[in-house]
Amino acid sequence: MPSAVVIGTGKMGKLIEQTLIAHGFEVLGAFGHENINQLNTIEQTPDVVVDFSGVAAFDAVVGFVRERGCALVSGTTGFSPEQLSELKQLGESVPVIHAANYSVGVAVLRRAVAMAAEALNGWDTEIVETHHNQKVDAPSGTAKLLLAAIDPEGTRPVV
């Protein structure tokens, strides 16, 4: 039976845990900001760590994955350029996948936005987003993903 550790105990973390169990995974533990310091108490090495938490857990998650040699699926947003670089480096020794949004619809939207930005070069562009009042990161990782599709070189001013 494949095994996983879930990092993030919010709405997404709970949904991921339920989905893993429904697909035959043994969930060895679920950790949030309140107990991330107990991550190393997991005795068995999981096949994968699924992280949809926050940047505050970065060091604990990366350290655990590096030490245990397991795969990492990360949907956490808000990483610094240095942290993203460290994730890339980690990916040289273990399987790592990171995305700001795993939705197929957002992937299609990103491509459409990139095509529109190219076709309408020189036009002003604005990204407006609305979220529930518990949204932790603003602007969201999805908004940043769309901005990167509009301005891959990062040369446009962000207001």
N, C-alpha and C. Protein backbone atom coordinates (compact mmCIF):
# COMPACT_ATOMS: atom_id res chain seq x y z
N MET A 1 0.85 -1.17 0.00
CA MET A 1 0.00 0.00 0.00
C MET A 1 0.90 1.24 0.00
N PRO A 2 0.67 2.17 -0.94
CA PRO A 2 1.48 3.39 -0.95
C PRO A 2 1.15 4.24 0.28
N SER A 3 2.12 5.04 0.68
CA SER A 3 1.93 5.86 1.88
C SER A 3 2.25 7.32 1.60
N ALA A 4 1.63 8.18 2.40
CA ALA A 4 1.80 9.62 2.22
C ALA A 4 1.76 10.32 3.56
N VAL A 5 2.37 11.50 3.58
CA VAL A 5 2.24 12.44 4.68
C VAL A 5 1.64 13.70 4.07
N VAL A 6 0.65 14.26 4.73
CA VAL A 6 -0.01 15.47 4.26
C VAL A 6 0.45 16.64 5.12
N ILE A 7 0.90 17.69 4.45
CA ILE A 7 1.29 18.92 5.14
C ILE A 7 0.26 19.97 4.76
N GLY A 8 -0.45 20.47 5.74
CA GLY A 8 -1.53 21.42 5.51
C GLY A 8 -2.82 20.80 6.02
N THR A 9 -3.41 21.42 7.02
CA THR A 9 -4.61 20.86 7.63
C THR A 9 -5.83 21.75 7.41
N GLY A 10 -5.72 22.66 6.44
CA GLY A 10 -6.86 23.49 6.08
C GLY A 10 -7.81 22.74 5.16
N LYS A 11 -8.64 23.49 4.45
CA LYS A 11 -9.63 22.87 3.56
C LYS A 11 -8.98 21.96 2.53
N MET A 12 -7.94 22.45 1.88
CA MET A 12 -7.28 21.66 0.84
C MET A 12 -6.56 20.46 1.43
N GLY A 13 -5.89 20.64 2.54
CA GLY A 13 -5.20 19.53 3.18
C GLY A 13 -6.15 18.41 3.57
N LYS A 14 -7.30 18.77 4.12
CA LYS A 14 -8.30 17.77 4.50
C LYS A 14 -8.84 17.04 3.28
N LEU A 15 -9.09 17.78 2.20
CA LEU A 15 -9.57 17.16 0.96
C LEU A 15 -8.52 16.21 0.39
N ILE A 16 -7.26 16.63 0.42
CA ILE A 16 -6.17 15.78 -0.08
C ILE A 16 -6.08 14.50 0.75
N GLU A 17 -6.16 14.64 2.06
CA GLU A 17 -6.09 13.45 2.93
C GLU A 17 -7.22 12.48 2.60
N GLN A 18 -8.44 12.98 2.46
CA GLN A 18 -9.59 12.13 2.13
C GLN A 18 -9.40 11.46 0.77
N THR A 19 -8.89 12.20 -0.19
CA THR A 19 -8.68 11.67 -1.54
C THR A 19 -7.61 10.59 -1.54
N LEU A 20 -6.53 10.82 -0.82
CA LEU A 20 -5.47 9.81 -0.73
C LEU A 20 -6.02 8.51 -0.14
N ILE A 21 -6.76 8.62 0.94
CA ILE A 21 -7.34 7.43 1.58
C ILE A 21 -8.29 6.71 0.62
N ALA A 22 -9.12 7.48 -0.08
CA ALA A 22 -10.07 6.90 -1.03
C ALA A 22 -9.37 6.17 -2.17
N HIS A 23 -8.12 6.56 -2.47
CA HIS A 23 -7.36 5.93 -3.55
C HIS A 23 -6.34 4.92 -3.03
N GLY A 24 -6.54 4.45 -1.81
CA GLY A 24 -5.73 3.35 -1.31
C GLY A 24 -4.41 3.71 -0.66
N PHE A 25 -4.20 4.97 -0.34
CA PHE A 25 -2.97 5.37 0.35
C PHE A 25 -3.14 5.23 1.85
N GLU A 26 -2.07 4.88 2.51
CA GLU A 26 -2.02 4.95 3.96
C GLU A 26 -1.47 6.33 4.31
N VAL A 27 -2.26 7.13 5.00
CA VAL A 27 -1.80 8.46 5.41
C VAL A 27 -1.13 8.30 6.78
N LEU A 28 0.18 8.51 6.78
CA LEU A 28 0.98 8.31 7.99
C LEU A 28 0.84 9.45 8.99
N GLY A 29 0.38 10.59 8.50
CA GLY A 29 0.20 11.74 9.38
C GLY A 29 -0.20 12.96 8.60
N ALA A 30 -0.85 13.89 9.29
CA ALA A 30 -1.23 15.18 8.71
C ALA A 30 -0.72 16.26 9.66
N PHE A 31 -0.02 17.23 9.09
CA PHE A 31 0.63 18.24 9.90
C PHE A 31 0.28 19.64 9.40
N GLY A 32 -0.02 20.51 10.34
CA GLY A 32 -0.27 21.91 10.05
C GLY A 32 0.70 22.77 10.84
N HIS A 33 0.44 24.08 10.82
CA HIS A 33 1.37 24.99 11.51
C HIS A 33 1.46 24.68 13.01
N GLU A 34 0.38 24.10 13.56
CA GLU A 34 0.37 23.84 14.99
C GLU A 34 1.21 22.63 15.41
N ASN A 35 1.53 21.74 14.46
CA ASN A 35 2.31 20.55 14.84
C ASN A 35 3.39 20.17 13.83
N ILE A 36 3.78 21.10 12.95
CA ILE A 36 4.79 20.80 11.93
C ILE A 36 6.12 20.40 12.58
N ASN A 37 6.36 20.88 13.79
CA ASN A 37 7.61 20.52 14.49
C ASN A 37 7.64 19.05 14.90
N GLN A 38 6.54 18.33 14.74
CA GLN A 38 6.49 16.90 15.06
C GLN A 38 6.63 16.03 13.81
N LEU A 39 6.89 16.64 12.67
CA LEU A 39 6.99 15.90 11.41
C LEU A 39 8.00 14.76 11.49
N ASN A 40 9.13 15.01 12.12
CA ASN A 40 10.18 13.98 12.20
C ASN A 40 9.84 12.82 13.12
N THR A 41 8.68 12.88 13.78
CA THR A 41 8.27 11.74 14.62
C THR A 41 7.69 10.60 13.78
N ILE A 42 7.45 10.85 12.50
CA ILE A 42 6.96 9.80 11.61
C ILE A 42 8.08 8.76 11.47
N GLU A 43 7.81 7.54 11.87
CA GLU A 43 8.84 6.50 11.83
C GLU A 43 9.03 5.93 10.43
N GLN A 44 7.93 5.66 9.74
CA GLN A 44 8.00 5.06 8.40
C GLN A 44 8.27 6.17 7.38
N THR A 45 9.09 5.88 6.40
CA THR A 45 9.32 6.84 5.32
C THR A 45 8.18 6.74 4.32
N PRO A 46 7.48 7.84 4.07
CA PRO A 46 6.37 7.79 3.12
C PRO A 46 6.87 7.73 1.68
N ASP A 47 6.01 7.28 0.80
CA ASP A 47 6.34 7.34 -0.63
C ASP A 47 6.32 8.78 -1.11
N VAL A 48 5.40 9.58 -0.54
CA VAL A 48 5.24 10.96 -0.99
C VAL A 48 4.80 11.85 0.16
N VAL A 49 5.27 13.08 0.12
CA VAL A 49 4.78 14.14 0.99
C VAL A 49 3.98 15.08 0.11
N VAL A 50 2.74 15.36 0.51
CA VAL A 50 1.88 16.28 -0.24
C VAL A 50 1.72 17.52 0.62
N ASP A 51 2.23 18.65 0.12
CA ASP A 51 2.30 19.88 0.90
C ASP A 51 1.45 20.98 0.29
N PHE A 52 0.37 21.33 0.97
CA PHE A 52 -0.47 22.46 0.60
C PHE A 52 -0.62 23.33 1.85
N SER A 53 0.51 23.70 2.43
CA SER A 53 0.48 24.46 3.68
C SER A 53 0.83 25.91 3.41
N GLY A 54 1.83 26.40 4.06
CA GLY A 54 2.30 27.77 3.88
C GLY A 54 3.81 27.80 3.90
N VAL A 55 4.37 28.94 3.55
CA VAL A 55 5.82 29.04 3.45
C VAL A 55 6.51 28.81 4.80
N ALA A 56 5.80 29.01 5.89
CA ALA A 56 6.41 28.81 7.22
C ALA A 56 6.86 27.36 7.43
N ALA A 57 6.25 26.43 6.72
CA ALA A 57 6.61 25.01 6.87
C ALA A 57 7.73 24.59 5.93
N PHE A 58 8.21 25.50 5.10
CA PHE A 58 9.17 25.16 4.04
C PHE A 58 10.39 24.40 4.56
N ASP A 59 11.07 24.94 5.55
CA ASP A 59 12.30 24.30 6.04
C ASP A 59 12.04 22.90 6.57
N ALA A 60 10.96 22.74 7.33
CA ALA A 60 10.63 21.42 7.89
C ALA A 60 10.31 20.42 6.78
N VAL A 61 9.54 20.85 5.80
CA VAL A 61 9.13 19.95 4.71
C VAL A 61 10.34 19.56 3.86
N VAL A 62 11.11 20.54 3.42
CA VAL A 62 12.27 20.26 2.58
C VAL A 62 13.29 19.40 3.33
N GLY A 63 13.51 19.71 4.59
CA GLY A 63 14.45 18.91 5.39
C GLY A 63 13.99 17.47 5.52
N PHE A 64 12.70 17.27 5.76
CA PHE A 64 12.15 15.92 5.90
C PHE A 64 12.28 15.14 4.59
N VAL A 65 11.90 15.77 3.49
CA VAL A 65 11.95 15.11 2.18
C VAL A 65 13.40 14.78 1.81
N ARG A 66 14.30 15.71 2.04
CA ARG A 66 15.71 15.48 1.74
C ARG A 66 16.27 14.32 2.58
N GLU A 67 15.96 14.32 3.86
CA GLU A 67 16.46 13.29 4.77
C GLU A 67 15.88 11.91 4.45
N ARG A 68 14.60 11.86 4.12
CA ARG A 68 13.93 10.57 3.89
C ARG A 68 14.02 10.08 2.45
N GLY A 69 14.29 11.00 1.51
CA GLY A 69 14.40 10.61 0.11
C GLY A 69 13.07 10.27 -0.55
N CYS A 70 12.00 10.84 -0.05
CA CYS A 70 10.68 10.57 -0.63
C CYS A 70 10.32 11.67 -1.64
N ALA A 71 9.27 11.42 -2.40
CA ALA A 71 8.80 12.39 -3.39
C ALA A 71 8.05 13.52 -2.70
N LEU A 72 7.97 14.66 -3.38
CA LEU A 72 7.26 15.83 -2.86
C LEU A 72 6.32 16.38 -3.93
N VAL A 73 5.06 16.54 -3.55
CA VAL A 73 4.09 17.26 -4.37
C VAL A 73 3.75 18.52 -3.59
N SER A 74 4.05 19.68 -4.17
CA SER A 74 3.85 20.95 -3.47
C SER A 74 2.87 21.84 -4.21
N GLY A 75 1.86 22.29 -3.49
CA GLY A 75 0.93 23.28 -4.02
C GLY A 75 0.98 24.55 -3.20
N THR A 76 2.01 24.67 -2.38
CA THR A 76 2.19 25.84 -1.54
C THR A 76 2.64 27.01 -2.40
N THR A 77 2.13 28.19 -2.11
CA THR A 77 2.51 29.39 -2.86
C THR A 77 3.16 30.40 -1.92
N GLY A 78 3.76 31.41 -2.52
CA GLY A 78 4.38 32.48 -1.74
C GLY A 78 5.85 32.27 -1.46
N PHE A 79 6.46 31.27 -2.11
CA PHE A 79 7.88 31.02 -1.89
C PHE A 79 8.73 32.17 -2.41
N SER A 80 9.84 32.42 -1.75
CA SER A 80 10.82 33.40 -2.21
C SER A 80 11.59 32.79 -3.38
N PRO A 81 12.28 33.61 -4.17
CA PRO A 81 13.11 33.06 -5.25
C PRO A 81 14.14 32.06 -4.72
N GLU A 82 14.68 32.31 -3.53
CA GLU A 82 15.66 31.39 -2.94
C GLU A 82 15.01 30.05 -2.60
N GLN A 83 13.80 30.09 -2.08
CA GLN A 83 13.10 28.85 -1.75
C GLN A 83 12.75 28.07 -3.02
N LEU A 84 12.33 28.76 -4.06
CA LEU A 84 12.04 28.08 -5.33
C LEU A 84 13.30 27.43 -5.88
N SER A 85 14.43 28.13 -5.74
CA SER A 85 15.71 27.57 -6.18
C SER A 85 16.05 26.32 -5.37
N GLU A 86 15.79 26.35 -4.08
CA GLU A 86 16.06 25.19 -3.23
C GLU A 86 15.16 24.01 -3.62
N LEU A 87 13.90 24.30 -3.99
CA LEU A 87 13.00 23.23 -4.46
C LEU A 87 13.55 22.59 -5.73
N LYS A 88 14.04 23.44 -6.64
CA LYS A 88 14.64 22.92 -7.88
C LYS A 88 15.83 22.03 -7.58
N GLN A 89 16.66 22.49 -6.67
CA GLN A 89 17.84 21.71 -6.27
C GLN A 89 17.42 20.38 -5.63
N LEU A 90 16.39 20.41 -4.80
CA LEU A 90 15.87 19.19 -4.18
C LEU A 90 15.41 18.21 -5.25
N GLY A 91 14.84 18.75 -6.33
CA GLY A 91 14.36 17.93 -7.43
C GLY A 91 15.45 17.19 -8.18
N GLU A 92 16.70 17.53 -7.94
CA GLU A 92 17.81 16.80 -8.56
C GLU A 92 18.08 15.48 -7.84
N SER A 93 17.58 15.35 -6.61
CA SER A 93 17.85 14.13 -5.85
C SER A 93 16.59 13.30 -5.56
N VAL A 94 15.42 13.94 -5.55
CA VAL A 94 14.16 13.22 -5.33
C VAL A 94 13.10 13.80 -6.28
N PRO A 95 12.05 13.04 -6.57
CA PRO A 95 10.99 13.59 -7.43
C PRO A 95 10.27 14.75 -6.73
N VAL A 96 10.18 15.88 -7.42
CA VAL A 96 9.50 17.06 -6.89
C VAL A 96 8.62 17.64 -7.98
N ILE A 97 7.37 17.91 -7.64
CA ILE A 97 6.50 18.66 -8.54
C ILE A 97 5.90 19.79 -7.73
N HIS A 98 5.96 20.99 -8.29
CA HIS A 98 5.41 22.17 -7.62
C HIS A 98 4.59 22.97 -8.63
N ALA A 99 3.40 23.35 -8.23
CA ALA A 99 2.56 24.21 -9.06
C ALA A 99 1.75 25.11 -8.15
N ALA A 100 1.51 26.32 -8.63
CA ALA A 100 0.70 27.26 -7.86
C ALA A 100 -0.77 26.85 -7.89
N ASN A 101 -1.16 26.12 -8.92
CA ASN A 101 -2.55 25.68 -9.05
C ASN A 101 -2.56 24.43 -9.91
N TYR A 102 -3.19 23.38 -9.43
CA TYR A 102 -3.22 22.10 -10.15
C TYR A 102 -4.49 21.92 -10.98
N SER A 103 -5.32 22.93 -11.06
CA SER A 103 -6.56 22.83 -11.81
C SER A 103 -6.30 22.82 -13.32
N VAL A 104 -6.94 21.89 -14.02
CA VAL A 104 -6.82 21.83 -15.48
C VAL A 104 -7.35 23.13 -16.08
N GLY A 105 -8.44 23.64 -15.52
CA GLY A 105 -9.01 24.89 -16.02
C GLY A 105 -8.04 26.05 -15.92
N VAL A 106 -7.30 26.13 -14.83
CA VAL A 106 -6.31 27.20 -14.67
C VAL A 106 -5.16 27.02 -15.66
N ALA A 107 -4.77 25.79 -15.93
CA ALA A 107 -3.71 25.54 -16.92
C ALA A 107 -4.15 26.04 -18.29
N VAL A 108 -5.39 25.77 -18.65
CA VAL A 108 -5.92 26.24 -19.94
C VAL A 108 -6.01 27.77 -19.92
N LEU A 109 -6.49 28.34 -18.82
CA LEU A 109 -6.59 29.79 -18.70
C LEU A 109 -5.22 30.44 -18.84
N ARG A 110 -4.20 29.86 -18.22
CA ARG A 110 -2.84 30.42 -18.31
C ARG A 110 -2.38 30.49 -19.75
N ARG A 111 -2.62 29.42 -20.50
CA ARG A 111 -2.22 29.42 -21.92
C ARG A 111 -3.01 30.46 -22.70
N ALA A 112 -4.31 30.57 -22.43
CA ALA A 112 -5.15 31.54 -23.13
C ALA A 112 -4.70 32.97 -22.81
N VAL A 113 -4.37 33.22 -21.55
CA VAL A 113 -3.91 34.55 -21.13
C VAL A 113 -2.59 34.89 -21.82
N ALA A 114 -1.68 33.93 -21.91
CA ALA A 114 -0.40 34.16 -22.58
C ALA A 114 -0.61 34.49 -24.05
N MET A 115 -1.51 33.77 -24.70
CA MET A 115 -1.80 34.03 -26.12
C MET A 115 -2.44 35.41 -26.29
N ALA A 116 -3.37 35.77 -25.41
CA ALA A 116 -4.02 37.08 -25.50
C ALA A 116 -3.00 38.19 -25.26
N ALA A 117 -2.12 38.02 -24.30
CA ALA A 117 -1.11 39.04 -24.00
C ALA A 117 -0.19 39.26 -25.19
N GLU A 118 0.16 38.17 -25.87
CA GLU A 118 1.02 38.28 -27.05
C GLU A 118 0.27 38.98 -28.19
N ALA A 119 -0.98 38.62 -28.39
CA ALA A 119 -1.77 39.21 -29.48
C ALA A 119 -2.09 40.68 -29.21
N LEU A 120 -2.21 41.05 -27.95
CA LEU A 120 -2.57 42.42 -27.58
C LEU A 120 -1.39 43.14 -26.95
N ASN A 121 -0.21 42.89 -27.47
CA ASN A 121 1.02 43.48 -26.95
C ASN A 121 0.88 45.00 -26.85
N GLY A 122 1.24 45.55 -25.71
CA GLY A 122 1.17 46.99 -25.52
C GLY A 122 -0.11 47.44 -24.84
N TRP A 123 -1.09 46.59 -24.75
CA TRP A 123 -2.33 46.94 -24.07
C TRP A 123 -2.12 46.85 -22.56
N ASP A 124 -2.87 47.67 -21.83
CA ASP A 124 -2.85 47.58 -20.38
C ASP A 124 -3.56 46.30 -19.94
N THR A 125 -3.05 45.70 -18.90
CA THR A 125 -3.61 44.45 -18.40
C THR A 125 -3.86 44.58 -16.91
N GLU A 126 -4.94 43.99 -16.45
CA GLU A 126 -5.25 44.01 -15.03
C GLU A 126 -5.76 42.64 -14.59
N ILE A 127 -5.28 42.19 -13.45
CA ILE A 127 -5.77 40.94 -12.86
C ILE A 127 -6.51 41.33 -11.58
N VAL A 128 -7.77 40.94 -11.51
CA VAL A 128 -8.60 41.22 -10.34
C VAL A 128 -9.10 39.88 -9.80
N GLU A 129 -8.96 39.68 -8.51
CA GLU A 129 -9.42 38.42 -7.93
C GLU A 129 -10.24 38.68 -6.67
N THR A 130 -11.16 37.78 -6.42
CA THR A 130 -12.01 37.86 -5.24
C THR A 130 -11.97 36.51 -4.54
N HIS A 131 -11.85 36.54 -3.22
CA HIS A 131 -11.75 35.30 -2.44
C HIS A 131 -12.63 35.38 -1.20
N HIS A 132 -12.80 34.25 -0.56
CA HIS A 132 -13.48 34.21 0.74
C HIS A 132 -12.59 34.90 1.77
N ASN A 133 -13.17 35.24 2.90
CA ASN A 133 -12.41 36.03 3.88
C ASN A 133 -11.39 35.23 4.68
N GLN A 134 -11.27 33.92 4.42
CA GLN A 134 -10.23 33.12 5.08
C GLN A 134 -9.00 32.92 4.19
N LYS A 135 -9.00 33.52 3.00
CA LYS A 135 -7.88 33.35 2.06
C LYS A 135 -6.60 33.87 2.70
N VAL A 136 -5.58 33.03 2.73
CA VAL A 136 -4.34 33.36 3.44
C VAL A 136 -3.41 34.21 2.60
N ASP A 137 -3.18 33.84 1.33
CA ASP A 137 -2.20 34.57 0.53
C ASP A 137 -2.88 35.47 -0.50
N ALA A 138 -2.42 36.70 -0.54
CA ALA A 138 -2.93 37.66 -1.52
C ALA A 138 -1.76 38.54 -1.95
N PRO A 139 -1.50 38.69 -3.23
CA PRO A 139 -2.24 38.03 -4.31
C PRO A 139 -2.00 36.52 -4.27
N SER A 140 -2.94 35.80 -4.83
CA SER A 140 -2.86 34.34 -4.81
C SER A 140 -1.78 33.83 -5.74
N GLY A 141 -1.41 32.58 -5.52
CA GLY A 141 -0.46 31.93 -6.42
C GLY A 141 -0.99 31.87 -7.84
N THR A 142 -2.30 31.72 -7.98
CA THR A 142 -2.91 31.68 -9.32
C THR A 142 -2.78 33.03 -10.00
N ALA A 143 -3.00 34.12 -9.26
CA ALA A 143 -2.84 35.45 -9.84
C ALA A 143 -1.39 35.66 -10.29
N LYS A 144 -0.45 35.22 -9.49
CA LYS A 144 0.97 35.34 -9.85
C LYS A 144 1.30 34.48 -11.07
N LEU A 145 0.67 33.31 -11.17
CA LEU A 145 0.85 32.43 -12.32
C LEU A 145 0.36 33.12 -13.59
N LEU A 146 -0.80 33.76 -13.51
CA LEU A 146 -1.36 34.47 -14.67
C LEU A 146 -0.50 35.69 -15.02
N LEU A 147 0.01 36.38 -14.02
CA LEU A 147 0.91 37.52 -14.28
C LEU A 147 2.15 37.05 -15.03
N ALA A 148 2.71 35.91 -14.62
CA ALA A 148 3.89 35.37 -15.31
C ALA A 148 3.56 34.99 -16.75
N ALA A 149 2.32 34.58 -17.02
CA ALA A 149 1.90 34.25 -18.39
C ALA A 149 1.79 35.52 -19.22
N ILE A 150 1.35 36.61 -18.60
CA ILE A 150 1.21 37.89 -19.30
C ILE A 150 2.58 38.52 -19.54
N ASP A 151 3.44 38.42 -18.55
CA ASP A 151 4.73 39.12 -18.56
C ASP A 151 5.85 38.16 -18.14
N PRO A 152 6.23 37.23 -19.04
CA PRO A 152 7.22 36.21 -18.66
C PRO A 152 8.58 36.79 -18.26
N GLU A 153 8.95 37.94 -18.79
CA GLU A 153 10.25 38.53 -18.45
C GLU A 153 10.18 39.36 -17.18
N GLY A 154 8.98 39.62 -16.68
CA GLY A 154 8.82 40.42 -15.46
C GLY A 154 9.19 41.87 -15.63
N THR A 155 8.94 42.43 -16.82
CA THR A 155 9.34 43.80 -17.10
C THR A 155 8.22 44.83 -16.91
N ARG A 156 6.99 44.37 -16.82
CA ARG A 156 5.88 45.30 -16.65
C ARG A 156 5.76 45.71 -15.18
N PRO A 157 5.36 46.95 -14.94
CA PRO A 157 5.18 47.37 -13.55
C PRO A 157 3.96 46.67 -12.94
N VAL A 158 4.10 46.27 -11.69
CA VAL A 158 2.99 45.65 -10.96
C VAL A 158 2.46 46.67 -9.98
N VAL A 159 1.17 46.91 -10.04
CA VAL A 159 0.55 47.92 -9.17
C VAL A 159 -0.28 47.24 -8.12
